[in-house]
Amino acid sequence: MMSLFAQEMITKGKQEGRKEGHKEGRKEGEAALLLRLLQRRFGTVPTWANGKIANADLPTLEAWSLRFVDAQSLDEVFAVRM
């Protein structure tokens, strides 16, 4: 029989695991959508852009997705903004 503490730790671990999985799933989905949009608009996406997308965090992917709307080139999507 498990202690109440052990049960709480297992429950907490499961919740954190689900939360992290959800976050990673969102990131993967956002990256896949951005890649499809870029391919549709600009044609073949170069290796350097694929690498940037694969290594980006969720807020960056979201920012690039918004820039895509007005961008006239891949460089404009990925331009570093200060």
N, C-alpha and C. Protein backbone atom coordinates (compact mmCIF):
# COMPACT_ATOMS: atom_id res chain seq x y z
N MET A 1 0.84 -1.17 0.00
CA MET A 1 0.00 0.00 0.00
C MET A 1 0.89 1.24 0.00
N MET A 2 0.57 2.18 -0.90
CA MET A 2 1.35 3.40 -1.03
C MET A 2 0.90 4.44 -0.02
N SER A 3 1.87 5.22 0.41
CA SER A 3 1.52 6.32 1.31
C SER A 3 0.79 7.42 0.53
N LEU A 4 0.10 8.25 1.26
CA LEU A 4 -0.60 9.38 0.65
C LEU A 4 0.40 10.29 -0.06
N PHE A 5 1.55 10.48 0.53
CA PHE A 5 2.59 11.31 -0.07
C PHE A 5 3.03 10.74 -1.42
N ALA A 6 3.26 9.44 -1.48
CA ALA A 6 3.68 8.80 -2.72
C ALA A 6 2.60 8.93 -3.79
N GLN A 7 1.36 8.74 -3.41
CA GLN A 7 0.25 8.88 -4.35
C GLN A 7 0.17 10.31 -4.89
N GLU A 8 0.36 11.30 -4.01
CA GLU A 8 0.33 12.70 -4.43
C GLU A 8 1.48 13.01 -5.39
N MET A 9 2.64 12.46 -5.12
CA MET A 9 3.80 12.68 -5.99
C MET A 9 3.57 12.05 -7.36
N ILE A 10 2.99 10.87 -7.39
CA ILE A 10 2.69 10.21 -8.67
C ILE A 10 1.67 11.03 -9.46
N THR A 11 0.63 11.49 -8.78
CA THR A 11 -0.39 12.31 -9.43
C THR A 11 0.21 13.59 -9.97
N LYS A 12 1.05 14.24 -9.17
CA LYS A 12 1.70 15.47 -9.60
C LYS A 12 2.60 15.21 -10.80
N GLY A 13 3.33 14.12 -10.77
CA GLY A 13 4.21 13.76 -11.89
C GLY A 13 3.43 13.53 -13.17
N LYS A 14 2.30 12.86 -13.06
CA LYS A 14 1.47 12.62 -14.23
C LYS A 14 0.93 13.92 -14.80
N GLN A 15 0.50 14.82 -13.92
CA GLN A 15 -0.04 16.11 -14.37
C GLN A 15 1.04 16.93 -15.07
N GLU A 16 2.23 16.94 -14.50
CA GLU A 16 3.33 17.68 -15.12
C GLU A 16 3.71 17.06 -16.46
N GLY A 17 3.68 15.74 -16.52
CA GLY A 17 4.00 15.05 -17.78
C GLY A 17 2.98 15.38 -18.86
N ARG A 18 1.71 15.40 -18.51
CA ARG A 18 0.67 15.77 -19.48
C ARG A 18 0.83 17.21 -19.95
N LYS A 19 1.13 18.08 -19.00
CA LYS A 19 1.32 19.50 -19.33
C LYS A 19 2.49 19.67 -20.29
N GLU A 20 3.60 19.01 -20.01
CA GLU A 20 4.78 19.10 -20.87
C GLU A 20 4.49 18.49 -22.24
N GLY A 21 3.78 17.38 -22.27
CA GLY A 21 3.41 16.75 -23.53
C GLY A 21 2.51 17.64 -24.37
N HIS A 22 1.58 18.31 -23.71
CA HIS A 22 0.69 19.23 -24.41
C HIS A 22 1.49 20.39 -25.01
N LYS A 23 2.42 20.92 -24.24
CA LYS A 23 3.25 22.03 -24.72
C LYS A 23 4.09 21.60 -25.91
N GLU A 24 4.68 20.42 -25.84
CA GLU A 24 5.50 19.92 -26.94
C GLU A 24 4.65 19.65 -28.17
N GLY A 25 3.44 19.14 -27.96
CA GLY A 25 2.53 18.91 -29.07
C GLY A 25 2.13 20.19 -29.76
N ARG A 26 1.88 21.23 -28.97
CA ARG A 26 1.55 22.54 -29.55
C ARG A 26 2.70 23.08 -30.38
N LYS A 27 3.91 22.92 -29.87
CA LYS A 27 5.10 23.39 -30.58
C LYS A 27 5.25 22.66 -31.90
N GLU A 28 5.09 21.35 -31.88
CA GLU A 28 5.21 20.56 -33.10
C GLU A 28 4.13 20.94 -34.11
N GLY A 29 2.93 21.15 -33.63
CA GLY A 29 1.83 21.53 -34.51
C GLY A 29 2.05 22.89 -35.14
N GLU A 30 2.51 23.84 -34.35
CA GLU A 30 2.78 25.19 -34.84
C GLU A 30 3.90 25.15 -35.88
N ALA A 31 4.94 24.36 -35.62
CA ALA A 31 6.05 24.24 -36.57
C ALA A 31 5.58 23.61 -37.88
N ALA A 32 4.77 22.57 -37.80
CA ALA A 32 4.28 21.90 -39.00
C ALA A 32 3.39 22.84 -39.83
N LEU A 33 2.54 23.59 -39.16
CA LEU A 33 1.67 24.52 -39.87
C LEU A 33 2.48 25.62 -40.55
N LEU A 34 3.43 26.20 -39.84
CA LEU A 34 4.27 27.24 -40.42
C LEU A 34 5.01 26.71 -41.63
N LEU A 35 5.55 25.53 -41.54
CA LEU A 35 6.28 24.94 -42.65
C LEU A 35 5.36 24.75 -43.87
N ARG A 36 4.16 24.26 -43.66
CA ARG A 36 3.21 24.09 -44.77
C ARG A 36 2.86 25.43 -45.41
N LEU A 37 2.64 26.44 -44.59
CA LEU A 37 2.31 27.76 -45.12
C LEU A 37 3.46 28.34 -45.95
N LEU A 38 4.67 28.19 -45.43
CA LEU A 38 5.84 28.69 -46.15
C LEU A 38 6.02 27.96 -47.47
N GLN A 39 5.84 26.65 -47.46
CA GLN A 39 5.96 25.87 -48.69
C GLN A 39 4.92 26.31 -49.72
N ARG A 40 3.73 26.52 -49.26
CA ARG A 40 2.65 26.92 -50.17
C ARG A 40 2.93 28.28 -50.81
N ARG A 41 3.45 29.19 -50.02
CA ARG A 41 3.65 30.56 -50.51
C ARG A 41 4.97 30.77 -51.23
N PHE A 42 6.05 30.18 -50.71
CA PHE A 42 7.37 30.46 -51.25
C PHE A 42 8.01 29.27 -51.97
N GLY A 43 7.34 28.14 -52.02
CA GLY A 43 7.92 26.95 -52.65
C GLY A 43 8.78 26.17 -51.67
N THR A 44 9.77 25.51 -52.19
CA THR A 44 10.65 24.69 -51.36
C THR A 44 11.30 25.53 -50.27
N VAL A 45 11.21 25.04 -49.06
CA VAL A 45 11.79 25.76 -47.91
C VAL A 45 13.23 25.26 -47.74
N PRO A 46 14.19 26.19 -47.75
CA PRO A 46 15.60 25.78 -47.64
C PRO A 46 15.93 25.16 -46.28
N THR A 47 17.02 24.43 -46.28
CA THR A 47 17.47 23.73 -45.08
C THR A 47 17.65 24.67 -43.90
N TRP A 48 18.19 25.87 -44.15
CA TRP A 48 18.42 26.80 -43.04
C TRP A 48 17.11 27.19 -42.36
N ALA A 49 16.04 27.35 -43.15
CA ALA A 49 14.74 27.72 -42.58
C ALA A 49 14.13 26.54 -41.82
N ASN A 50 14.27 25.34 -42.37
CA ASN A 50 13.80 24.15 -41.66
C ASN A 50 14.49 24.01 -40.30
N GLY A 51 15.78 24.29 -40.28
CA GLY A 51 16.53 24.22 -39.02
C GLY A 51 16.06 25.24 -38.01
N LYS A 52 15.81 26.45 -38.47
CA LYS A 52 15.32 27.49 -37.56
C LYS A 52 13.97 27.09 -36.97
N ILE A 53 13.09 26.57 -37.81
CA ILE A 53 11.77 26.15 -37.34
C ILE A 53 11.89 25.00 -36.34
N ALA A 54 12.73 24.03 -36.65
CA ALA A 54 12.88 22.86 -35.77
C ALA A 54 13.43 23.23 -34.40
N ASN A 55 14.26 24.27 -34.34
CA ASN A 55 14.92 24.63 -33.09
C ASN A 55 14.25 25.78 -32.33
N ALA A 56 13.18 26.32 -32.90
CA ALA A 56 12.53 27.49 -32.29
C ALA A 56 11.62 27.08 -31.13
N ASP A 57 11.45 28.01 -30.20
CA ASP A 57 10.49 27.80 -29.12
C ASP A 57 9.10 28.25 -29.59
N LEU A 58 8.09 27.94 -28.80
CA LEU A 58 6.72 28.23 -29.19
C LEU A 58 6.45 29.72 -29.43
N PRO A 59 6.87 30.63 -28.55
CA PRO A 59 6.62 32.06 -28.83
C PRO A 59 7.25 32.54 -30.14
N THR A 60 8.43 32.03 -30.47
CA THR A 60 9.09 32.42 -31.72
C THR A 60 8.30 31.89 -32.92
N LEU A 61 7.85 30.65 -32.85
CA LEU A 61 7.05 30.08 -33.93
C LEU A 61 5.77 30.89 -34.14
N GLU A 62 5.16 31.30 -33.05
CA GLU A 62 3.94 32.11 -33.14
C GLU A 62 4.23 33.46 -33.79
N ALA A 63 5.35 34.07 -33.44
CA ALA A 63 5.72 35.37 -34.03
C ALA A 63 5.98 35.22 -35.53
N TRP A 64 6.70 34.18 -35.92
CA TRP A 64 6.96 33.95 -37.34
C TRP A 64 5.67 33.70 -38.11
N SER A 65 4.75 32.99 -37.49
CA SER A 65 3.46 32.71 -38.15
C SER A 65 2.70 34.01 -38.41
N LEU A 66 2.78 34.95 -37.50
CA LEU A 66 2.13 36.24 -37.71
C LEU A 66 2.86 37.06 -38.77
N ARG A 67 4.18 37.04 -38.76
CA ARG A 67 4.96 37.76 -39.77
C ARG A 67 4.70 37.22 -41.18
N PHE A 68 4.43 35.92 -41.27
CA PHE A 68 4.18 35.28 -42.56
C PHE A 68 3.09 36.00 -43.35
N VAL A 69 2.09 36.50 -42.66
CA VAL A 69 0.95 37.13 -43.30
C VAL A 69 1.38 38.31 -44.18
N ASP A 70 2.31 39.13 -43.71
CA ASP A 70 2.72 40.32 -44.44
C ASP A 70 4.05 40.17 -45.18
N ALA A 71 4.77 39.11 -44.91
CA ALA A 71 6.11 38.94 -45.48
C ALA A 71 6.07 38.73 -46.99
N GLN A 72 7.03 39.32 -47.66
CA GLN A 72 7.17 39.14 -49.11
C GLN A 72 8.26 38.12 -49.44
N SER A 73 8.99 37.68 -48.41
CA SER A 73 10.07 36.71 -48.62
C SER A 73 10.29 35.91 -47.34
N LEU A 74 11.01 34.81 -47.48
CA LEU A 74 11.38 34.03 -46.29
C LEU A 74 12.23 34.86 -45.33
N ASP A 75 13.12 35.66 -45.89
CA ASP A 75 13.98 36.49 -45.04
C ASP A 75 13.17 37.41 -44.15
N GLU A 76 12.05 37.94 -44.67
CA GLU A 76 11.20 38.81 -43.85
C GLU A 76 10.52 38.04 -42.72
N VAL A 77 10.18 36.80 -42.96
CA VAL A 77 9.55 35.99 -41.90
C VAL A 77 10.52 35.79 -40.75
N PHE A 78 11.77 35.50 -41.07
CA PHE A 78 12.75 35.15 -40.06
C PHE A 78 13.66 36.29 -39.62
N ALA A 79 13.41 37.50 -40.10
CA ALA A 79 14.25 38.65 -39.75
C ALA A 79 14.26 38.87 -38.25
N VAL A 80 15.43 39.19 -37.74
CA VAL A 80 15.57 39.48 -36.32
C VAL A 80 15.07 40.90 -36.08
N ARG A 81 14.11 41.02 -35.19
CA ARG A 81 13.52 42.34 -34.87
C ARG A 81 14.13 42.84 -33.57
N MET A 82 14.47 44.10 -33.55
CA MET A 82 15.03 44.69 -32.33
C MET A 82 14.02 45.61 -31.70
